[in-house]
Amino acid sequence: MNCILIDDENPALQLLEDNVKQVPYLNIVASCRNPMHALDIIKDQQIDLIFLDINMPGINGLDLLRSLKHPPMVILVTAYEEHALDGFNLDVVDYLIKPVPFARFLKAVQKARELYEIRQPKAKVIPSENDHVFVNANYSLVKVSIQDITFIEGLKDYVKIHIENGKPIITRMGLKAMEEKLDPRRFMRVHKSYIVSLHKINSIQKTQLVIDGAEIPIGEGYRTALQTYISHKNL
């Protein structure tokens, strides 16, 4: 989802950016301290979600929201609780009070994602070809079944695709490019060098998880998102 971050305070804006960057299905189009500049971006570009402060100079967040004829989804992020009713009367997705714990932030963006999928079902329908991917290996295109992937290991300019009951496949591709081919509901990046199939996880400890006997490290920046997923799924 394309999102824009609007907050006149730079520390708050930076913290919000850090949180958004940990969520693989969020793409930051712009971070704005000037709400009027943000309005121009919202009108000119495709924005799916706004993270919006309320108390800002010039025009506050609620007035900015009221000025939009067809507003995107909005998550209000503010230090003040008294505007909650106004926010929900404007159909915001969620209302977050600063400082926002990452688990609470993740819960809000998951609500936005679910709403996005309902509003745009065609964009989220997984076509039949997404049951597999083709990768270059051994001087040919090799078909890899998504269901058979256990985890993917990044090796600089290559990735090593580990297959259940099969030999790994090595292909020249960046890990990020591979991540974009995969359904984020089935796969999660848990380390700068590893993507795992969520349904193939055998066990999880604080700093590592196990899939098919392989011990995979969990990066500190990815740990909270993984723990939140596990709590949500009651694994």
Protein backbone atom coordinates (compact mmCIF):
# COMPACT_ATOMS: atom_id res chain seq x y z
CA MET A 1 0.00 0.00 0.00
CA ASN A 2 1.29 3.46 -0.89
CA CYS A 3 1.30 5.69 2.17
CA ILE A 4 2.14 9.25 3.16
CA LEU A 5 3.29 10.33 6.62
CA ILE A 6 2.26 13.75 7.92
CA ASP A 7 3.57 15.19 11.19
CA ASP A 8 5.08 18.61 11.87
CA GLU A 9 7.47 17.24 14.53
CA ASN A 10 10.59 15.69 13.04
CA PRO A 11 11.31 13.14 15.85
CA ALA A 12 7.75 11.82 15.63
CA LEU A 13 7.98 11.66 11.85
CA GLN A 14 11.27 9.75 12.01
CA LEU A 15 9.85 7.22 14.48
CA LEU A 16 6.83 6.72 12.25
CA GLU A 17 9.11 6.18 9.24
CA ASP A 18 11.09 3.56 11.16
CA ASN A 19 7.90 1.67 12.03
CA VAL A 20 6.52 1.80 8.48
CA LYS A 21 9.79 0.52 7.01
CA GLN A 22 9.47 -2.66 9.08
CA VAL A 23 6.18 -3.58 7.38
CA PRO A 24 6.84 -5.18 3.97
CA TYR A 25 3.46 -4.30 2.44
CA LEU A 26 3.79 -0.54 3.14
CA ASN A 27 5.54 1.78 0.70
CA ILE A 28 6.40 5.34 1.78
CA VAL A 29 5.61 7.78 -1.01
CA ALA A 30 6.44 10.87 1.08
CA SER A 31 7.07 12.09 4.64
CA CYS A 32 5.82 15.62 5.18
CA ARG A 33 6.14 18.15 7.97
CA ASN A 34 4.12 20.68 5.96
CA PRO A 35 0.45 19.58 5.68
CA MET A 36 -0.21 21.83 2.68
CA HIS A 37 2.63 20.18 0.78
CA ALA A 38 1.15 16.82 1.76
CA LEU A 39 -2.21 17.85 0.26
CA ASP A 40 -0.57 18.45 -3.10
CA ILE A 41 1.01 14.99 -3.02
CA ILE A 42 -2.27 13.32 -2.06
CA LYS A 43 -4.03 15.01 -4.98
CA ASP A 44 -1.28 14.20 -7.50
CA GLN A 45 -0.35 10.62 -6.57
CA GLN A 46 -2.03 7.34 -5.75
CA ILE A 47 -2.11 7.21 -1.95
CA ASP A 48 -3.78 4.28 -0.20
CA LEU A 49 -3.09 5.18 3.44
CA ILE A 50 -2.32 8.37 5.37
CA PHE A 51 -0.61 8.44 8.77
CA LEU A 52 -1.81 11.77 10.08
CA ASP A 53 -1.02 13.95 13.08
CA ILE A 54 -3.79 16.26 14.32
CA ASN A 55 -2.27 19.31 16.00
CA MET A 56 -0.20 21.02 13.30
CA PRO A 57 0.34 24.67 12.35
CA GLY A 58 -1.73 26.13 9.52
CA ILE A 59 -4.27 23.33 9.16
CA ASN A 60 -4.83 20.56 11.65
CA GLY A 61 -5.15 16.94 10.65
CA LEU A 62 -8.92 16.76 11.01
CA ASP A 63 -9.45 19.83 8.81
CA LEU A 64 -7.04 18.39 6.26
CA LEU A 65 -9.03 15.18 6.23
CA ARG A 66 -12.33 17.06 5.83
CA SER A 67 -10.89 18.95 2.85
CA LEU A 68 -10.40 15.74 0.85
CA LYS A 69 -13.33 14.86 -1.39
CA HIS A 70 -12.35 11.20 -1.65
CA PRO A 71 -9.87 10.58 1.17
CA PRO A 72 -7.67 7.47 1.31
CA MET A 73 -7.66 5.35 4.43
CA VAL A 74 -6.37 7.28 7.45
CA ILE A 75 -4.66 6.28 10.69
CA LEU A 76 -4.50 9.21 13.10
CA VAL A 77 -1.32 9.38 15.18
CA THR A 78 -1.54 12.02 17.91
CA ALA A 79 -0.53 12.85 21.46
CA TYR A 80 -4.11 13.82 22.38
CA GLU A 81 -7.03 11.54 23.17
CA GLU A 82 -9.82 14.14 22.99
CA HIS A 83 -10.15 14.04 19.21
CA ALA A 84 -10.91 10.32 19.02
CA LEU A 85 -14.65 10.74 18.50
CA ASP A 86 -14.09 13.30 15.73
CA GLY A 87 -11.64 10.93 14.10
CA PHE A 88 -13.97 7.98 14.06
CA ASN A 89 -16.82 10.18 12.81
CA LEU A 90 -14.56 10.77 9.82
CA ASP A 91 -14.22 6.99 9.34
CA VAL A 92 -10.54 6.73 10.18
CA VAL A 93 -9.13 3.22 10.31
CA ASP A 94 -7.58 3.67 13.75
CA TYR A 95 -6.55 6.25 16.33
CA LEU A 96 -3.09 5.87 17.85
CA ILE A 97 -1.80 7.75 20.89
CA LYS A 98 1.89 8.72 20.97
CA PRO A 99 4.21 7.15 21.87
CA VAL A 100 2.91 4.20 19.85
CA PRO A 101 4.18 0.69 20.73
CA PHE A 102 5.14 -1.20 17.57
CA ALA A 103 2.69 -4.03 18.31
CA ARG A 104 -0.15 -1.50 18.49
CA PHE A 105 1.07 0.14 15.29
CA LEU A 106 1.17 -3.23 13.53
CA LYS A 107 -2.39 -3.99 14.63
CA ALA A 108 -3.57 -0.71 13.10
CA VAL A 109 -1.85 -1.25 9.76
CA GLN A 110 -3.17 -4.81 9.60
CA LYS A 111 -6.69 -3.39 9.93
CA ALA A 112 -5.89 -1.04 7.06
CA ARG A 113 -4.56 -3.89 4.96
CA GLU A 114 -7.68 -5.99 5.52
CA LEU A 115 -9.87 -3.03 4.55
CA TYR A 116 -7.70 -2.43 1.47
CA GLU A 117 -8.19 -6.04 0.40
CA ILE A 118 -11.98 -5.74 0.80
CA ARG A 119 -12.13 -2.51 -1.19
CA GLN A 120 -9.79 -3.71 -3.92
CA PRO A 121 -10.34 -7.46 -4.26
CA LYS A 122 -8.99 -7.58 -7.81
CA ALA A 123 -5.66 -6.23 -6.66
CA LYS A 124 -5.34 -9.04 -4.11
CA VAL A 125 -6.61 -12.02 -6.08
CA ILE A 126 -3.69 -14.41 -6.44
CA PRO A 127 -3.67 -15.68 -10.04
CA SER A 128 -2.91 -19.30 -10.78
CA GLU A 129 0.60 -18.50 -12.01
CA ASN A 130 1.45 -17.33 -8.47
CA ASP A 131 1.39 -20.97 -7.39
CA HIS A 132 4.88 -21.05 -8.84
CA VAL A 133 7.75 -18.90 -10.00
CA PHE A 134 10.28 -19.36 -12.77
CA VAL A 135 13.93 -18.67 -11.97
CA ASN A 136 17.12 -18.92 -13.99
CA ALA A 137 19.24 -21.86 -12.88
CA ASN A 138 21.63 -24.17 -14.70
CA TYR A 139 21.27 -22.18 -17.93
CA SER A 140 17.50 -22.71 -18.09
CA LEU A 141 14.23 -21.49 -16.60
CA VAL A 142 13.28 -23.68 -13.67
CA LYS A 143 9.72 -23.84 -12.34
CA VAL A 144 9.60 -23.65 -8.54
CA SER A 145 6.40 -24.51 -6.69
CA ILE A 146 5.59 -21.94 -4.00
CA GLN A 147 4.20 -24.70 -1.81
CA ASP A 148 7.55 -26.51 -1.79
CA ILE A 149 9.66 -23.53 -0.66
CA THR A 150 10.77 -23.78 2.97
CA PHE A 151 13.04 -20.74 3.14
CA ILE A 152 15.17 -18.51 0.93
CA GLU A 153 18.72 -17.47 1.72
CA GLY A 154 20.34 -14.33 0.34
CA LEU A 155 23.90 -14.72 -0.98
CA LYS A 156 24.94 -11.27 -2.23
CA ASP A 157 23.83 -11.25 -5.88
CA TYR A 158 22.23 -14.70 -5.62
CA VAL A 159 19.48 -16.39 -3.65
CA LYS A 160 19.39 -19.99 -2.54
CA ILE A 161 15.85 -21.39 -2.60
CA HIS A 162 15.51 -24.28 -0.18
CA ILE A 163 12.96 -26.87 -1.28
CA GLU A 164 11.12 -29.39 0.87
CA ASN A 165 12.41 -32.88 0.07
CA GLY A 166 14.56 -31.53 -2.74
CA LYS A 167 17.88 -29.93 -3.62
CA PRO A 168 18.24 -26.14 -3.17
CA ILE A 169 18.05 -23.99 -6.28
CA ILE A 170 20.52 -21.14 -6.69
CA THR A 171 19.60 -18.26 -8.98
CA ARG A 172 21.09 -14.85 -9.72
CA MET A 173 18.62 -12.49 -8.06
CA GLY A 174 18.51 -10.10 -5.11
CA LEU A 175 16.62 -11.18 -2.00
CA LYS A 176 14.35 -8.14 -2.23
CA ALA A 177 13.41 -9.00 -5.83
CA MET A 178 12.57 -12.52 -4.69
CA GLU A 179 10.53 -11.19 -1.78
CA GLU A 180 8.39 -9.17 -4.19
CA LYS A 181 7.43 -12.37 -6.02
CA LEU A 182 6.04 -13.97 -2.87
CA ASP A 183 2.69 -13.62 -1.10
CA PRO A 184 3.36 -11.74 2.20
CA ARG A 185 0.59 -13.77 3.82
CA ARG A 186 2.67 -16.92 3.31
CA PHE A 187 6.23 -15.62 3.53
CA MET A 188 8.03 -13.23 5.87
CA ARG A 189 11.50 -11.75 5.90
CA VAL A 190 12.97 -12.55 9.32
CA HIS A 191 16.56 -11.44 8.72
CA LYS A 192 18.41 -9.32 6.18
CA SER A 193 19.52 -12.60 4.57
CA TYR A 194 16.48 -14.86 5.06
CA ILE A 195 12.85 -15.18 3.98
CA VAL A 196 10.85 -18.04 5.48
CA SER A 197 7.63 -19.84 4.66
CA LEU A 198 5.44 -19.11 7.66
CA HIS A 199 3.63 -22.45 7.39
CA LYS A 200 6.87 -24.42 7.39
CA ILE A 201 8.19 -23.12 10.73
CA ASN A 202 8.81 -25.97 13.18
CA SER A 203 9.91 -24.01 16.25
CA ILE A 204 10.87 -20.51 17.31
CA GLN A 205 13.27 -19.20 19.93
CA LYS A 206 14.19 -15.63 20.73
CA THR A 207 17.01 -15.30 18.21
CA GLN A 208 16.37 -18.13 15.77
CA LEU A 209 13.74 -20.39 14.27
CA VAL A 210 13.90 -23.90 12.83
CA ILE A 211 12.56 -25.07 9.48
CA ASP A 212 13.16 -28.61 8.24
CA GLY A 213 16.15 -28.96 10.59
CA ALA A 214 17.79 -25.69 9.48
CA GLU A 215 18.48 -23.04 12.13
CA ILE A 216 17.65 -19.57 10.77
CA PRO A 217 18.60 -16.38 12.64
CA ILE A 218 15.93 -13.78 13.47
CA GLY A 219 17.14 -10.24 12.93
CA GLU A 220 16.44 -7.74 15.70
CA GLY A 221 14.57 -5.42 13.32
CA TYR A 222 12.25 -8.24 12.21
CA ARG A 223 11.59 -9.88 15.58
CA THR A 224 8.56 -7.82 16.64
CA ALA A 225 6.68 -8.37 13.39
CA LEU A 226 7.27 -12.12 13.62
CA GLN A 227 6.20 -12.27 17.27
CA THR A 228 3.05 -10.30 16.47
CA TYR A 229 2.21 -12.68 13.63
CA ILE A 230 2.69 -15.68 15.91
CA SER A 231 0.52 -14.14 18.66
CA HIS A 232 -2.19 -13.38 16.11
CA LYS A 233 -2.12 -16.95 14.78
CA ASN A 234 -1.84 -18.50 18.26
CA LEU A 235 0.92 -20.77 17.04
